Amino acid sequence: MQFYSTKHQSAPANLEEVVMQGLPPDNGLYMPDEIKPMPEDFWQNIDRLSFPEMSYQLALQLLQDTIPSQVLRQIVYDAVNFEAPVVPLSSNLRCLELFHGPSLAFKDFGARFMARMMGYFVGRSPQKLYILVATSGDTGGAVAQGFLNTLGIEVIILYPGNKISRLQEQQLTALGGNITALEVAGTFDDCQRLVKSAFLDTELRNAMRLSSANSINLARLIPQAFYYINAYAQVKNEGREVVFCVPSGNFGNLTAGLLAKRMGLPVAHFVAANNANDVFTHYHRSGRFEPRPSVKTYSNAMDVGNPSNLQRIEDLYQQNLSAMRKDIAAYSFTDAQTLAAMQEAYSLYGYIMCPHTAVGYLGIQQYFKEHPNPNATGIFLGTAHPVKFLDIVEPALQVTVPVPENLQQLMQQPKQAVAMSTNYEDLRLFLLQKNKNG
């Protein structure tokens, strides 16, 4: 099994190179050169498998002989050690809750899997590895928790100052140890640009061992396919078509669902639900991809004006927009609509959701409004626990959301962050000095 770049200007890579480099030299994104569907009996019997076991079998099929099977099993079973329940709201509406991991966000699945895979590869080398990651909200906390105290790995997280919630900030600035947070005086797009610039800096990469933990890293994306198949297993016996609605920012989550579909997941349709950062919705409708600076919204982890994983989606469909539209619908919603959706879900179902999840709730409703189907179940992804957005959720719903004890303790810890400009040379000097100091 080899992996290629979506820009097809770099040599094929093996799994260790893909995981440890993160980004190909040509600034594309890595993809497996073969995506083999799971055997039919896997889907027939999936509801009899545990979540870790079905995840392991999917990973084994996708990665083939790139890593010893027993090592892969241990990685998967250790990473996928919490549930992702499908919670019914109505007869045809479900929420796939992905926030039961340590950082209370869906990105725990990817971060934990990748941390353990990198730990395996780092253990075979004496050189320290530096993880460089940009976050628009939840990635930072998940990566920090996933890699905390991993031997041989230092994590450096860039986040946009004053553009994420206080709890999100504490989750990546209060841990210390091998986790360093850089508070960037700009937007998430600035953070992402700085990270990409570092990976394209040949002199820097010759001086230190760098890798990424964003969804640009394939090892972060693969385990996100696990919870789609687990969700299907939970509703399989209902005998209805399944439509997934994915709150989308950098589009790694949707790409993972499409990957699962290529491997045979019986899914009728996907819905990409965007906030006011509607670059993908515009592209879906017009055929023109026009990146632009992101704008701040209540669903801040989706505030992305130039989604990286569109490269992978286009690659899966071989640049065929018509084929993409047959599988994916796309909608965008305002902050006002998001708040109204949160209030509606609480009023109708007594269900409290974060702003990102509310965008998914809006997306599945809009899809069924345009495509009525009494034989379909809509599953929208609950991407973060509402406690992570108390400043939005509590005033909107006039409720008090209990804060888990471990988060209460975290909120009392001092913030530890290094101020960083949007000038790449400043980041470069910081990284070289950190590497020099060991």
Protein backbone atom coordinates (compact mmCIF):
# COMPACT_ATOMS: atom_id res chain seq x y z
CA MET A 1 0.00 0.00 0.00
CA GLN A 2 1.33 3.39 -1.04
CA PHE A 3 -0.08 6.90 -0.64
CA TYR A 4 -0.11 9.65 -3.26
CA SER A 5 -0.47 13.41 -3.17
CA THR A 6 -3.67 14.99 -4.48
CA LYS A 7 -1.44 17.31 -6.53
CA HIS A 8 0.45 14.34 -8.02
CA GLN A 9 3.78 16.21 -7.95
CA SER A 10 5.40 14.24 -5.11
CA ALA A 11 6.72 10.69 -5.01
CA PRO A 12 4.49 8.00 -3.45
CA ALA A 13 4.95 7.61 0.32
CA ASN A 14 4.61 4.79 2.82
CA LEU A 15 2.44 5.00 5.94
CA GLU A 16 5.24 6.14 8.25
CA GLU A 17 6.11 8.98 5.89
CA VAL A 18 2.44 9.96 5.57
CA VAL A 19 1.85 9.99 9.33
CA MET A 20 5.10 11.67 10.31
CA GLN A 21 5.32 14.25 7.50
CA GLY A 22 1.63 15.14 7.46
CA LEU A 23 1.88 17.12 4.23
CA PRO A 24 3.47 16.09 0.90
CA PRO A 25 6.28 18.30 -0.46
CA ASP A 26 4.03 19.56 -3.28
CA ASN A 27 1.52 21.01 -0.76
CA GLY A 28 -1.17 18.51 -1.71
CA LEU A 29 -2.78 16.04 0.71
CA TYR A 30 -2.05 12.33 1.02
CA MET A 31 -4.58 9.73 -0.13
CA PRO A 32 -4.37 5.90 -0.21
CA ASP A 33 -3.70 4.58 -3.69
CA GLU A 34 -6.40 1.95 -3.22
CA ILE A 35 -9.71 2.05 -1.31
CA LYS A 36 -11.05 -1.50 -1.18
CA PRO A 37 -14.71 -2.00 -0.15
CA MET A 38 -15.35 -4.11 2.92
CA PRO A 39 -16.79 -7.57 2.20
CA GLU A 40 -20.59 -7.76 2.14
CA ASP A 41 -20.79 -9.92 5.25
CA PHE A 42 -19.09 -7.15 7.24
CA TRP A 43 -22.09 -4.87 6.63
CA GLN A 44 -24.57 -7.69 7.16
CA ASN A 45 -23.12 -8.54 10.58
CA ILE A 46 -21.88 -5.12 11.67
CA ASP A 47 -24.48 -4.75 14.42
CA ARG A 48 -22.95 -7.79 16.15
CA LEU A 49 -19.50 -6.20 16.41
CA SER A 50 -18.22 -3.91 19.15
CA PHE A 51 -17.29 -0.35 18.20
CA PRO A 52 -13.52 -1.04 18.56
CA GLU A 53 -13.74 -4.30 16.58
CA MET A 54 -15.60 -2.84 13.59
CA SER A 55 -13.17 0.09 13.63
CA TYR A 56 -10.18 -2.25 13.63
CA GLN A 57 -11.52 -4.28 10.71
CA LEU A 58 -12.14 -1.12 8.67
CA ALA A 59 -8.66 0.23 9.46
CA LEU A 60 -7.06 -3.10 8.58
CA GLN A 61 -8.84 -3.16 5.21
CA LEU A 62 -7.82 0.40 4.38
CA LEU A 63 -4.21 0.27 5.60
CA GLN A 64 -3.61 -3.35 4.53
CA ASP A 65 -0.01 -4.40 5.24
CA THR A 66 1.39 -0.96 6.13
CA ILE A 67 1.55 -1.69 9.88
CA PRO A 68 1.56 -4.98 11.83
CA SER A 69 -2.03 -6.07 12.46
CA GLN A 70 -1.53 -6.59 16.20
CA VAL A 71 -0.04 -3.11 16.53
CA LEU A 72 -2.97 -1.66 14.62
CA ARG A 73 -5.46 -3.53 16.80
CA GLN A 74 -3.85 -2.16 19.96
CA ILE A 75 -3.86 1.39 18.55
CA VAL A 76 -7.54 1.21 17.57
CA TYR A 77 -8.75 -0.42 20.77
CA ASP A 78 -6.85 2.10 22.88
CA ALA A 79 -8.09 5.09 20.86
CA VAL A 80 -11.73 4.03 20.53
CA ASN A 81 -12.48 3.40 24.20
CA PHE A 82 -15.60 5.54 24.60
CA GLU A 83 -19.03 5.41 23.00
CA ALA A 84 -20.66 7.45 20.22
CA PRO A 85 -24.40 6.90 20.73
CA VAL A 86 -27.10 7.69 18.17
CA VAL A 87 -29.74 9.55 20.18
CA PRO A 88 -33.31 9.70 18.78
CA LEU A 89 -35.08 13.05 18.77
CA SER A 90 -38.08 12.07 16.63
CA SER A 91 -39.20 9.19 14.43
CA ASN A 92 -36.77 10.12 11.64
CA LEU A 93 -34.27 12.42 13.34
CA ARG A 94 -31.19 11.30 15.28
CA CYS A 95 -28.11 12.96 16.74
CA LEU A 96 -24.81 11.08 16.59
CA GLU A 97 -23.13 12.25 19.79
CA LEU A 98 -19.39 12.42 19.25
CA PHE A 99 -18.48 14.34 22.40
CA HIS A 100 -18.03 11.60 25.00
CA GLY A 101 -14.22 11.56 24.82
CA PRO A 102 -11.72 13.38 27.05
CA SER A 103 -11.93 16.80 25.33
CA LEU A 104 -15.70 16.55 24.71
CA ALA A 105 -15.39 16.93 20.93
CA PHE A 106 -15.54 14.64 17.90
CA LYS A 107 -11.88 15.26 17.23
CA ASP A 108 -10.93 13.01 20.14
CA PHE A 109 -11.29 10.01 17.83
CA GLY A 110 -8.77 11.28 15.31
CA ALA A 111 -6.37 12.80 17.82
CA ARG A 112 -6.15 9.70 20.01
CA PHE A 113 -5.66 7.37 17.03
CA MET A 114 -3.00 9.57 15.49
CA ALA A 115 -1.15 10.11 18.77
CA ARG A 116 -0.84 6.37 19.29
CA MET A 117 0.21 5.74 15.71
CA MET A 118 2.84 8.48 15.89
CA GLY A 119 3.98 7.14 19.23
CA TYR A 120 4.58 3.78 17.56
CA PHE A 121 6.70 5.32 14.78
CA VAL A 122 8.55 7.74 17.11
CA GLY A 123 9.51 4.83 19.33
CA ARG A 124 11.64 3.52 16.47
CA SER A 125 13.66 6.77 16.13
CA PRO A 126 15.90 8.69 18.60
CA GLN A 127 14.91 12.10 17.14
CA LYS A 128 12.25 14.19 18.89
CA LEU A 129 9.09 14.87 16.88
CA TYR A 130 7.38 18.28 16.88
CA ILE A 131 3.65 18.31 16.16
CA LEU A 132 2.58 21.62 14.63
CA VAL A 133 -1.17 22.18 14.49
CA ALA A 134 -3.59 25.03 13.80
CA THR A 135 -6.97 25.05 15.51
CA SER A 136 -10.21 26.96 14.99
CA GLY A 137 -11.56 25.63 18.28
CA ASP A 138 -11.87 21.93 19.10
CA THR A 139 -8.82 20.47 17.33
CA GLY A 140 -6.43 22.03 19.83
CA GLY A 141 -8.05 20.52 22.90
CA ALA A 142 -8.36 17.09 21.33
CA VAL A 143 -4.75 17.08 20.13
CA ALA A 144 -3.49 18.35 23.48
CA GLN A 145 -5.34 15.60 25.35
CA GLY A 146 -4.42 12.95 22.79
CA PHE A 147 -0.67 13.68 22.88
CA LEU A 148 -0.28 14.77 26.51
CA ASN A 149 2.85 13.17 28.02
CA THR A 150 3.59 11.08 24.90
CA LEU A 151 7.31 10.32 25.03
CA GLY A 152 9.46 11.83 22.29
CA ILE A 153 6.74 14.22 21.04
CA GLU A 154 6.36 17.99 21.58
CA VAL A 155 3.06 19.61 20.52
CA ILE A 156 2.81 23.24 19.36
CA ILE A 157 -0.73 24.53 18.84
CA LEU A 158 -1.56 27.76 17.01
CA TYR A 159 -4.94 29.33 17.75
CA PRO A 160 -6.57 32.69 16.85
CA GLY A 161 -6.59 35.02 19.84
CA ASN A 162 -10.03 36.14 21.08
CA LYS A 163 -11.78 33.88 18.55
CA ILE A 164 -12.37 30.67 20.53
CA SER A 165 -14.36 30.06 23.72
CA ARG A 166 -12.65 30.31 27.10
CA LEU A 167 -13.07 26.61 27.74
CA GLN A 168 -11.58 25.75 24.35
CA GLU A 169 -8.65 28.03 25.17
CA GLN A 170 -8.11 26.45 28.59
CA GLN A 171 -8.10 22.97 27.08
CA LEU A 172 -5.00 23.82 25.07
CA THR A 173 -3.25 26.42 27.26
CA ALA A 174 -3.60 24.95 30.77
CA LEU A 175 -2.07 21.50 30.39
CA GLY A 176 1.65 22.37 30.23
CA GLY A 177 4.11 19.52 29.92
CA ASN A 178 4.82 18.74 26.28
CA ILE A 179 1.99 21.04 25.08
CA THR A 180 2.80 24.62 23.97
CA ALA A 181 0.08 27.04 22.85
CA LEU A 182 0.75 29.99 20.51
CA GLU A 183 -1.90 32.73 20.60
CA VAL A 184 -1.86 34.20 17.09
CA ALA A 185 -2.95 37.80 16.51
CA GLY A 186 -5.16 36.84 13.56
CA THR A 187 -7.70 34.34 12.26
CA PHE A 188 -7.70 30.56 11.92
CA ASP A 189 -6.76 31.00 8.26
CA ASP A 190 -3.64 32.87 9.42
CA CYS A 191 -2.83 29.98 11.78
CA GLN A 192 -3.29 27.46 8.99
CA ARG A 193 -1.15 29.54 6.62
CA LEU A 194 1.66 29.68 9.18
CA VAL A 195 1.55 25.92 9.69
CA LYS A 196 1.57 25.21 5.96
CA SER A 197 4.47 27.65 5.49
CA ALA A 198 6.49 25.76 8.08
CA PHE A 199 5.90 22.45 6.34
CA LEU A 200 6.99 23.92 3.01
CA ASP A 201 10.15 25.38 4.55
CA THR A 202 12.84 22.90 3.49
CA GLU A 203 15.55 24.45 5.66
CA LEU A 204 13.34 24.29 8.75
CA ARG A 205 12.32 20.69 8.10
CA ASN A 206 15.96 19.72 7.67
CA ALA A 207 16.69 21.27 11.07
CA MET A 208 13.85 19.63 13.01
CA ARG A 209 11.38 16.78 12.66
CA LEU A 210 7.92 18.25 12.02
CA SER A 211 4.50 16.68 11.58
CA SER A 212 0.90 17.85 11.66
CA ALA A 213 -2.16 16.88 13.69
CA ASN A 214 -4.75 18.75 11.65
CA SER A 215 -7.18 16.89 9.42
CA ILE A 216 -4.61 17.50 6.66
CA ASN A 217 -2.88 14.48 8.27
CA LEU A 218 -4.44 11.29 6.96
CA ALA A 219 -3.97 9.59 10.34
CA ARG A 220 -6.38 12.12 11.86
CA LEU A 221 -8.95 11.56 9.14
CA ILE A 222 -9.08 7.76 8.92
CA PRO A 223 -10.49 7.14 12.44
CA GLN A 224 -13.27 9.64 11.76
CA ALA A 225 -14.69 7.05 9.37
CA PHE A 226 -15.15 4.71 12.35
CA TYR A 227 -18.10 6.51 13.88
CA TYR A 228 -20.05 6.61 10.63
CA ILE A 229 -20.05 2.82 10.44
CA ASN A 230 -20.82 2.60 14.15
CA ALA A 231 -23.80 4.93 13.66
CA TYR A 232 -25.06 2.78 10.80
CA ALA A 233 -24.74 -0.32 13.00
CA GLN A 234 -26.98 1.32 15.60
CA VAL A 235 -29.83 2.04 13.14
CA LYS A 236 -29.32 -0.85 10.71
CA ASN A 237 -32.22 -2.93 11.99
CA GLU A 238 -34.67 -0.09 11.37
CA GLY A 239 -34.38 -0.94 7.68
CA ARG A 240 -34.45 2.68 6.55
CA GLU A 241 -32.19 4.72 4.29
CA VAL A 242 -29.60 6.80 6.15
CA VAL A 243 -28.73 10.44 5.46
CA PHE A 244 -25.80 11.97 7.36
CA CYS A 245 -25.60 15.71 7.96
CA VAL A 246 -22.13 16.98 8.81
CA PRO A 247 -21.40 20.40 10.35
CA SER A 248 -18.42 21.38 8.22
CA GLY A 249 -15.43 23.69 8.54
CA ASN A 250 -12.18 22.26 7.18
CA PHE A 251 -14.15 19.30 5.74
CA GLY A 252 -12.13 16.47 7.25
CA ASN A 253 -15.27 15.10 8.89
CA LEU A 254 -17.23 14.94 5.65
CA THR A 255 -14.24 13.49 3.81
CA ALA A 256 -14.09 10.66 6.35
CA GLY A 257 -17.76 9.89 5.71
CA LEU A 258 -17.13 9.79 1.98
CA LEU A 259 -14.20 7.45 2.61
CA ALA A 260 -16.51 5.13 4.56
CA LYS A 261 -18.99 5.26 1.67
CA ARG A 262 -16.24 4.21 -0.76
CA MET A 263 -15.61 1.25 1.52
CA GLY A 264 -19.25 0.20 1.23
CA LEU A 265 -21.11 2.12 3.95
CA PRO A 266 -24.81 2.00 2.97
CA VAL A 267 -25.60 5.72 3.04
CA ALA A 268 -28.17 7.41 0.82
CA HIS A 269 -26.79 10.95 0.98
CA PHE A 270 -24.52 13.39 2.80
CA VAL A 271 -25.34 16.97 3.73
CA ALA A 272 -22.60 19.54 4.28
CA ALA A 273 -23.93 22.15 6.72
CA ASN A 274 -21.96 25.40 6.85
CA ASN A 275 -22.24 28.56 8.90
CA ALA A 276 -21.71 32.02 7.37
CA ASN A 277 -18.35 30.78 6.07
CA ASP A 278 -20.09 29.37 3.02
CA VAL A 279 -17.20 28.87 0.60
CA PHE A 280 -18.14 25.23 -0.01
CA THR A 281 -21.86 25.97 -0.38
CA HIS A 282 -21.00 28.59 -3.00
CA TYR A 283 -18.67 26.16 -4.77
CA HIS A 284 -21.32 23.42 -4.68
CA ARG A 285 -23.87 25.70 -6.34
CA SER A 286 -21.70 27.66 -8.77
CA GLY A 287 -18.75 25.37 -9.51
CA ARG A 288 -16.37 28.19 -8.52
CA PHE A 289 -14.10 27.73 -5.53
CA GLU A 290 -13.35 31.20 -4.19
CA PRO A 291 -11.53 31.17 -0.82
CA ARG A 292 -11.92 34.27 1.32
CA PRO A 293 -11.06 35.40 4.86
CA SER A 294 -13.14 33.63 7.49
CA VAL A 295 -15.71 35.50 9.56
CA LYS A 296 -16.38 34.92 13.24
CA THR A 297 -19.55 33.00 14.15
CA TYR A 298 -21.05 31.21 17.15
CA SER A 299 -19.92 27.91 15.60
CA ASN A 300 -16.29 28.99 15.66
CA ALA A 301 -14.66 25.62 14.91
CA MET A 302 -16.27 25.90 11.46
CA ASP A 303 -14.94 29.42 10.77
CA VAL A 304 -12.79 28.40 7.81
CA GLY A 305 -12.52 30.44 4.62
CA ASN A 306 -10.25 28.07 2.69
CA PRO A 307 -11.10 24.45 3.62
CA SER A 308 -8.06 22.24 3.03
CA ASN A 309 -9.87 18.93 2.62
CA LEU A 310 -11.73 20.09 -0.47
CA GLN A 311 -8.64 18.79 -2.27
CA ARG A 312 -9.44 15.29 -1.04
CA ILE A 313 -13.13 15.54 -1.88
CA GLU A 314 -12.33 16.70 -5.41
CA ASP A 315 -9.81 13.88 -5.71
CA LEU A 316 -12.41 11.29 -4.66
CA TYR A 317 -14.73 12.56 -7.39
CA GLN A 318 -11.95 13.17 -9.93
CA GLN A 319 -12.95 16.85 -10.18
CA ASN A 320 -16.45 15.82 -11.31
CA LEU A 321 -18.79 18.31 -9.62
CA SER A 322 -21.91 16.63 -11.01
CA ALA A 323 -20.94 13.31 -9.41
CA MET A 324 -20.20 15.11 -6.14
CA ARG A 325 -23.63 16.74 -6.14
CA LYS A 326 -25.28 13.32 -6.47
CA ASP A 327 -23.80 12.35 -3.10
CA ILE A 328 -23.61 15.69 -1.25
CA ALA A 329 -26.06 18.51 -0.61
CA ALA A 330 -24.81 21.80 0.85
CA TYR A 331 -26.47 24.55 2.88
CA SER A 332 -25.34 27.54 4.92
CA PHE A 333 -26.95 29.15 7.95
CA THR A 334 -26.61 32.37 9.91
CA ASP A 335 -25.95 32.83 13.62
CA ALA A 336 -29.58 33.92 14.06
CA GLN A 337 -30.78 30.67 12.48
CA THR A 338 -28.33 28.71 14.66
CA LEU A 339 -29.68 30.23 17.88
CA ALA A 340 -33.27 29.62 16.74
CA ALA A 341 -32.42 25.97 16.01
CA MET A 342 -30.91 25.52 19.49
CA GLN A 343 -34.06 26.98 21.02
CA GLU A 344 -36.33 24.84 18.86
CA ALA A 345 -34.52 21.59 19.70
CA TYR A 346 -34.71 22.41 23.40
CA SER A 347 -38.38 23.38 23.18
CA LEU A 348 -39.48 20.37 21.12
CA TYR A 349 -37.21 17.62 22.45
CA GLY A 350 -35.61 18.95 25.63
CA TYR A 351 -32.29 18.50 23.83
CA ILE A 352 -29.38 20.90 24.46
CA MET A 353 -26.92 21.26 21.59
CA CYS A 354 -23.85 23.33 20.87
CA PRO A 355 -23.90 25.85 17.97
CA HIS A 356 -22.02 23.48 15.63
CA THR A 357 -24.47 20.66 16.27
CA ALA A 358 -27.32 23.12 15.70
CA VAL A 359 -25.96 23.88 12.22
CA GLY A 360 -26.12 20.13 11.51
CA TYR A 361 -29.69 20.04 12.86
CA LEU A 362 -30.60 22.86 10.46
CA GLY A 363 -28.91 21.10 7.56
CA ILE A 364 -30.80 17.82 7.91
CA GLN A 365 -34.10 19.66 8.27
CA GLN A 366 -33.44 21.69 5.13
CA TYR A 367 -32.49 18.55 3.22
CA PHE A 368 -35.71 16.75 4.14
CA LYS A 369 -37.70 19.87 3.33
CA GLU A 370 -36.30 19.77 -0.20
CA HIS A 371 -36.17 15.95 -0.46
CA PRO A 372 -39.08 14.46 1.55
CA ASN A 373 -38.50 10.76 2.23
CA PRO A 374 -40.64 8.90 4.78
CA ASN A 375 -38.29 5.91 4.47
CA ALA A 376 -35.15 7.78 5.53
CA THR A 377 -33.52 8.46 8.88
CA GLY A 378 -31.54 11.67 9.20
CA ILE A 379 -28.48 11.54 11.44
CA PHE A 380 -26.81 14.87 12.19
CA LEU A 381 -23.45 14.88 13.91
CA GLY A 382 -23.20 16.26 17.44
CA THR A 383 -19.65 17.50 17.28
CA ALA A 384 -19.10 19.11 20.71
CA HIS A 385 -20.60 19.04 24.18
CA PRO A 386 -22.70 22.15 24.87
CA VAL A 387 -20.65 22.85 28.00
CA LYS A 388 -17.85 24.04 25.70
CA PHE A 389 -20.02 26.98 24.64
CA LEU A 390 -21.67 28.09 27.87
CA ASP A 391 -21.51 31.76 26.88
CA ILE A 392 -23.78 31.00 23.92
CA VAL A 393 -25.89 28.06 25.08
CA GLU A 394 -26.98 29.26 28.51
CA PRO A 395 -28.26 32.73 27.49
CA ALA A 396 -29.96 31.30 24.39
CA LEU A 397 -31.82 28.57 26.28
CA GLN A 398 -32.06 30.15 29.71
CA VAL A 399 -30.65 26.99 31.28
CA THR A 400 -27.63 26.07 33.36
CA VAL A 401 -25.42 23.43 31.77
CA PRO A 402 -23.55 21.37 34.39
CA VAL A 403 -19.77 21.52 33.96
CA PRO A 404 -18.03 18.14 34.41
CA GLU A 405 -15.66 18.07 37.38
CA ASN A 406 -12.51 17.57 35.32
CA LEU A 407 -13.33 20.68 33.32
CA GLN A 408 -14.03 22.70 36.46
CA GLN A 409 -10.51 21.88 37.61
CA LEU A 410 -9.05 22.79 34.22
CA MET A 411 -10.77 26.19 34.26
CA GLN A 412 -8.95 27.02 37.51
CA GLN A 413 -5.50 26.45 36.00
CA PRO A 414 -3.43 29.43 34.78
CA LYS A 415 -3.37 30.13 31.06
CA GLN A 416 0.03 29.44 29.46
CA ALA A 417 0.29 30.86 25.94
CA VAL A 418 2.98 32.54 23.85
CA ALA A 419 1.91 35.58 21.81
CA MET A 420 2.62 35.12 18.10
CA SER A 421 2.24 37.48 15.13
CA THR A 422 0.94 36.48 11.69
CA ASN A 423 4.46 36.90 10.29
CA TYR A 424 5.89 33.51 9.34
CA GLU A 425 9.46 34.54 10.15
CA ASP A 426 8.45 34.99 13.82
CA LEU A 427 7.07 31.44 13.95
CA ARG A 428 10.15 30.11 12.21
CA LEU A 429 12.49 31.69 14.75
CA PHE A 430 10.39 30.38 17.62
CA LEU A 431 10.49 26.83 16.28
CA LEU A 432 14.24 26.88 15.65
CA GLN A 433 14.87 28.17 19.17
CA LYS A 434 12.61 25.52 20.71
CA ASN A 435 14.41 22.81 18.77
CA LYS A 436 17.78 24.20 19.89
CA ASN A 437 16.69 24.15 23.52
CA GLY A 438 15.51 20.55 23.13
